[in-house]
Amino acid sequence: MATVEATETANEDRPQTLTAFDRCDSCGAQAYMRVTMASGGELLFCAHHGNKNRDKINAPGTVWYDESYRLSGGQG
């Protein structure tokens, strides 16, 4: 399982930044984590549900994109 920390640097390979329109697939709150599966599927999670499900969703090739640092006003 790979984790990609969001940064402010420009990078064409970096996933698109999550916005207020991106909603958690579990509860509908604002999403701060995107999980890309090896099969190409994608899940969005709020910080709570992302942390809750991180150990359950750990198949090879799974990539976690985490912007939860934004909750504390951090720069990444």
N, C-alpha and C. Protein backbone atom coordinates (compact mmCIF):
# COMPACT_ATOMS: atom_id res chain seq x y z
N MET A 1 0.86 -1.17 0.00
CA MET A 1 0.00 0.00 0.00
C MET A 1 0.90 1.22 0.00
N ALA A 2 0.68 2.12 -0.92
CA ALA A 2 1.44 3.36 -1.01
C ALA A 2 0.60 4.51 -0.50
N THR A 3 1.27 5.50 0.08
CA THR A 3 0.60 6.71 0.53
C THR A 3 1.25 7.88 -0.15
N VAL A 4 0.44 8.74 -0.72
CA VAL A 4 0.93 9.96 -1.36
C VAL A 4 0.48 11.12 -0.50
N GLU A 5 1.44 11.86 0.02
CA GLU A 5 1.10 13.05 0.80
C GLU A 5 0.92 14.21 -0.17
N ALA A 6 -0.11 14.97 0.00
CA ALA A 6 -0.37 16.13 -0.86
C ALA A 6 0.65 17.21 -0.56
N THR A 7 1.15 17.85 -1.61
CA THR A 7 2.07 18.97 -1.45
C THR A 7 1.62 20.10 -2.35
N GLU A 8 2.23 21.24 -2.19
CA GLU A 8 1.88 22.41 -2.99
C GLU A 8 2.69 22.49 -4.28
N THR A 9 3.62 21.56 -4.53
CA THR A 9 4.45 21.62 -5.72
C THR A 9 3.67 21.15 -6.93
N ALA A 10 3.95 21.75 -8.07
CA ALA A 10 3.29 21.37 -9.31
C ALA A 10 3.88 20.06 -9.79
N ASN A 11 3.03 19.11 -10.14
CA ASN A 11 3.47 17.82 -10.61
C ASN A 11 2.34 17.23 -11.44
N GLU A 12 2.65 16.93 -12.71
CA GLU A 12 1.60 16.42 -13.59
C GLU A 12 1.09 15.05 -13.14
N ASP A 13 1.91 14.28 -12.42
CA ASP A 13 1.49 12.97 -11.95
C ASP A 13 0.68 13.03 -10.67
N ARG A 14 0.64 14.19 -10.04
CA ARG A 14 -0.07 14.34 -8.77
C ARG A 14 -1.58 14.32 -9.04
N PRO A 15 -2.33 13.59 -8.22
CA PRO A 15 -3.79 13.60 -8.40
C PRO A 15 -4.36 15.00 -8.18
N GLN A 16 -5.49 15.25 -8.76
CA GLN A 16 -6.16 16.53 -8.60
C GLN A 16 -6.50 16.75 -7.13
N THR A 17 -6.29 17.98 -6.66
CA THR A 17 -6.58 18.33 -5.28
C THR A 17 -8.06 18.13 -4.99
N LEU A 18 -8.36 17.60 -3.82
CA LEU A 18 -9.75 17.40 -3.40
C LEU A 18 -10.37 18.74 -3.05
N THR A 19 -11.65 18.90 -3.38
CA THR A 19 -12.36 20.15 -3.12
C THR A 19 -13.55 19.90 -2.21
N ALA A 20 -14.24 20.95 -1.85
CA ALA A 20 -15.43 20.83 -1.01
C ALA A 20 -16.54 20.05 -1.72
N PHE A 21 -16.45 19.89 -3.02
CA PHE A 21 -17.45 19.13 -3.76
C PHE A 21 -17.19 17.63 -3.69
N ASP A 22 -15.99 17.22 -3.28
CA ASP A 22 -15.66 15.81 -3.12
C ASP A 22 -16.16 15.35 -1.77
N ARG A 23 -17.00 14.32 -1.76
CA ARG A 23 -17.68 13.90 -0.54
C ARG A 23 -17.29 12.47 -0.17
N CYS A 24 -17.25 12.20 1.11
CA CYS A 24 -16.93 10.88 1.65
C CYS A 24 -17.96 9.86 1.19
N ASP A 25 -17.49 8.72 0.69
CA ASP A 25 -18.39 7.66 0.25
C ASP A 25 -19.10 6.99 1.41
N SER A 26 -18.60 7.16 2.64
CA SER A 26 -19.23 6.54 3.80
C SER A 26 -20.29 7.41 4.45
N CYS A 27 -20.01 8.72 4.58
CA CYS A 27 -20.94 9.55 5.36
C CYS A 27 -21.35 10.85 4.67
N GLY A 28 -20.73 11.21 3.57
CA GLY A 28 -21.11 12.42 2.86
C GLY A 28 -20.39 13.69 3.30
N ALA A 29 -19.52 13.58 4.31
CA ALA A 29 -18.73 14.75 4.74
C ALA A 29 -17.69 15.08 3.67
N GLN A 30 -17.03 16.22 3.80
CA GLN A 30 -16.00 16.60 2.85
C GLN A 30 -14.88 15.57 2.85
N ALA A 31 -14.46 15.15 1.66
CA ALA A 31 -13.41 14.14 1.53
C ALA A 31 -12.03 14.79 1.61
N TYR A 32 -11.15 14.16 2.36
CA TYR A 32 -9.76 14.59 2.47
C TYR A 32 -8.80 13.48 2.06
N MET A 33 -9.34 12.31 1.71
CA MET A 33 -8.52 11.18 1.28
C MET A 33 -9.14 10.54 0.05
N ARG A 34 -8.27 10.21 -0.90
CA ARG A 34 -8.70 9.51 -2.11
C ARG A 34 -7.92 8.20 -2.16
N VAL A 35 -8.63 7.10 -2.38
CA VAL A 35 -7.99 5.80 -2.50
C VAL A 35 -8.17 5.33 -3.93
N THR A 36 -7.06 5.09 -4.60
CA THR A 36 -7.11 4.57 -5.97
C THR A 36 -6.70 3.10 -5.92
N MET A 37 -7.59 2.26 -6.37
CA MET A 37 -7.36 0.81 -6.36
C MET A 37 -6.57 0.40 -7.59
N ALA A 38 -5.88 -0.71 -7.49
CA ALA A 38 -5.12 -1.23 -8.62
C ALA A 38 -6.02 -1.49 -9.82
N SER A 39 -7.27 -1.82 -9.57
CA SER A 39 -8.23 -2.10 -10.65
C SER A 39 -8.71 -0.83 -11.35
N GLY A 40 -8.35 0.34 -10.79
CA GLY A 40 -8.77 1.60 -11.38
C GLY A 40 -9.92 2.25 -10.65
N GLY A 41 -10.54 1.53 -9.72
CA GLY A 41 -11.62 2.11 -8.94
C GLY A 41 -11.10 3.16 -7.97
N GLU A 42 -12.00 3.99 -7.48
CA GLU A 42 -11.61 5.07 -6.59
C GLU A 42 -12.64 5.22 -5.47
N LEU A 43 -12.14 5.48 -4.26
CA LEU A 43 -12.99 5.76 -3.11
C LEU A 43 -12.56 7.08 -2.51
N LEU A 44 -13.52 7.83 -1.98
CA LEU A 44 -13.23 9.07 -1.28
C LEU A 44 -13.67 8.93 0.17
N PHE A 45 -12.85 9.45 1.08
CA PHE A 45 -13.16 9.36 2.51
C PHE A 45 -12.88 10.68 3.20
N CYS A 46 -13.68 10.98 4.23
CA CYS A 46 -13.33 12.03 5.17
C CYS A 46 -12.15 11.50 5.98
N ALA A 47 -11.51 12.34 6.77
CA ALA A 47 -10.35 11.89 7.55
C ALA A 47 -10.74 10.75 8.50
N HIS A 48 -11.90 10.87 9.13
CA HIS A 48 -12.34 9.85 10.09
C HIS A 48 -12.47 8.48 9.42
N HIS A 49 -13.23 8.41 8.33
CA HIS A 49 -13.45 7.12 7.69
C HIS A 49 -12.21 6.63 6.93
N GLY A 50 -11.39 7.54 6.44
CA GLY A 50 -10.13 7.12 5.82
C GLY A 50 -9.23 6.43 6.82
N ASN A 51 -9.07 7.04 8.00
CA ASN A 51 -8.24 6.43 9.03
C ASN A 51 -8.85 5.12 9.53
N LYS A 52 -10.16 5.07 9.62
CA LYS A 52 -10.85 3.88 10.10
C LYS A 52 -10.66 2.70 9.13
N ASN A 53 -10.63 2.99 7.82
CA ASN A 53 -10.58 1.94 6.81
C ASN A 53 -9.20 1.68 6.22
N ARG A 54 -8.20 2.44 6.61
CA ARG A 54 -6.87 2.33 6.00
C ARG A 54 -6.33 0.89 6.09
N ASP A 55 -6.45 0.24 7.22
CA ASP A 55 -5.93 -1.12 7.37
C ASP A 55 -6.74 -2.15 6.61
N LYS A 56 -8.01 -1.87 6.36
CA LYS A 56 -8.87 -2.81 5.66
C LYS A 56 -8.66 -2.76 4.15
N ILE A 57 -8.28 -1.58 3.66
CA ILE A 57 -8.11 -1.40 2.21
C ILE A 57 -6.61 -1.28 1.95
N ASN A 58 -5.96 -2.43 1.85
CA ASN A 58 -4.51 -2.41 1.70
C ASN A 58 -4.02 -3.40 0.65
N ALA A 59 -4.80 -3.61 -0.38
CA ALA A 59 -4.42 -4.52 -1.44
C ALA A 59 -3.20 -3.98 -2.19
N PRO A 60 -2.37 -4.88 -2.74
CA PRO A 60 -1.23 -4.41 -3.53
C PRO A 60 -1.68 -3.49 -4.66
N GLY A 61 -0.96 -2.43 -4.86
CA GLY A 61 -1.29 -1.46 -5.91
C GLY A 61 -2.23 -0.36 -5.48
N THR A 62 -2.72 -0.41 -4.24
CA THR A 62 -3.61 0.62 -3.73
C THR A 62 -2.80 1.85 -3.35
N VAL A 63 -3.26 3.02 -3.76
CA VAL A 63 -2.56 4.27 -3.45
C VAL A 63 -3.51 5.18 -2.68
N TRP A 64 -3.03 5.68 -1.54
CA TRP A 64 -3.79 6.62 -0.71
C TRP A 64 -3.25 8.01 -0.94
N TYR A 65 -4.12 8.95 -1.32
CA TYR A 65 -3.78 10.37 -1.46
C TYR A 65 -4.43 11.08 -0.28
N ASP A 66 -3.61 11.66 0.60
CA ASP A 66 -4.08 12.16 1.88
C ASP A 66 -3.88 13.67 2.00
N GLU A 67 -4.97 14.41 2.11
CA GLU A 67 -4.92 15.86 2.32
C GLU A 67 -5.46 16.23 3.70
N SER A 68 -5.48 15.28 4.62
CA SER A 68 -6.06 15.56 5.94
C SER A 68 -5.27 16.60 6.72
N TYR A 69 -4.03 16.89 6.32
CA TYR A 69 -3.26 17.96 6.96
C TYR A 69 -4.01 19.29 6.88
N ARG A 70 -4.86 19.46 5.88
CA ARG A 70 -5.59 20.71 5.72
C ARG A 70 -6.55 21.00 6.88
N LEU A 71 -6.94 19.96 7.60
CA LEU A 71 -7.85 20.14 8.73
C LEU A 71 -7.20 20.95 9.85
N SER A 72 -5.88 20.87 9.97
CA SER A 72 -5.18 21.62 11.01
C SER A 72 -4.53 22.87 10.45
N GLY A 73 -4.82 23.23 9.19
CA GLY A 73 -4.27 24.44 8.59
C GLY A 73 -2.83 24.29 8.14
N GLY A 74 -2.33 23.08 8.07
CA GLY A 74 -0.93 22.83 7.67
C GLY A 74 -0.72 23.05 6.19
N GLN A 75 0.52 23.13 5.82
CA GLN A 75 0.90 23.35 4.42
C GLN A 75 1.26 22.05 3.70
N GLY A 76 1.31 20.96 4.40
CA GLY A 76 1.57 19.68 3.75
C GLY A 76 2.89 19.12 3.99
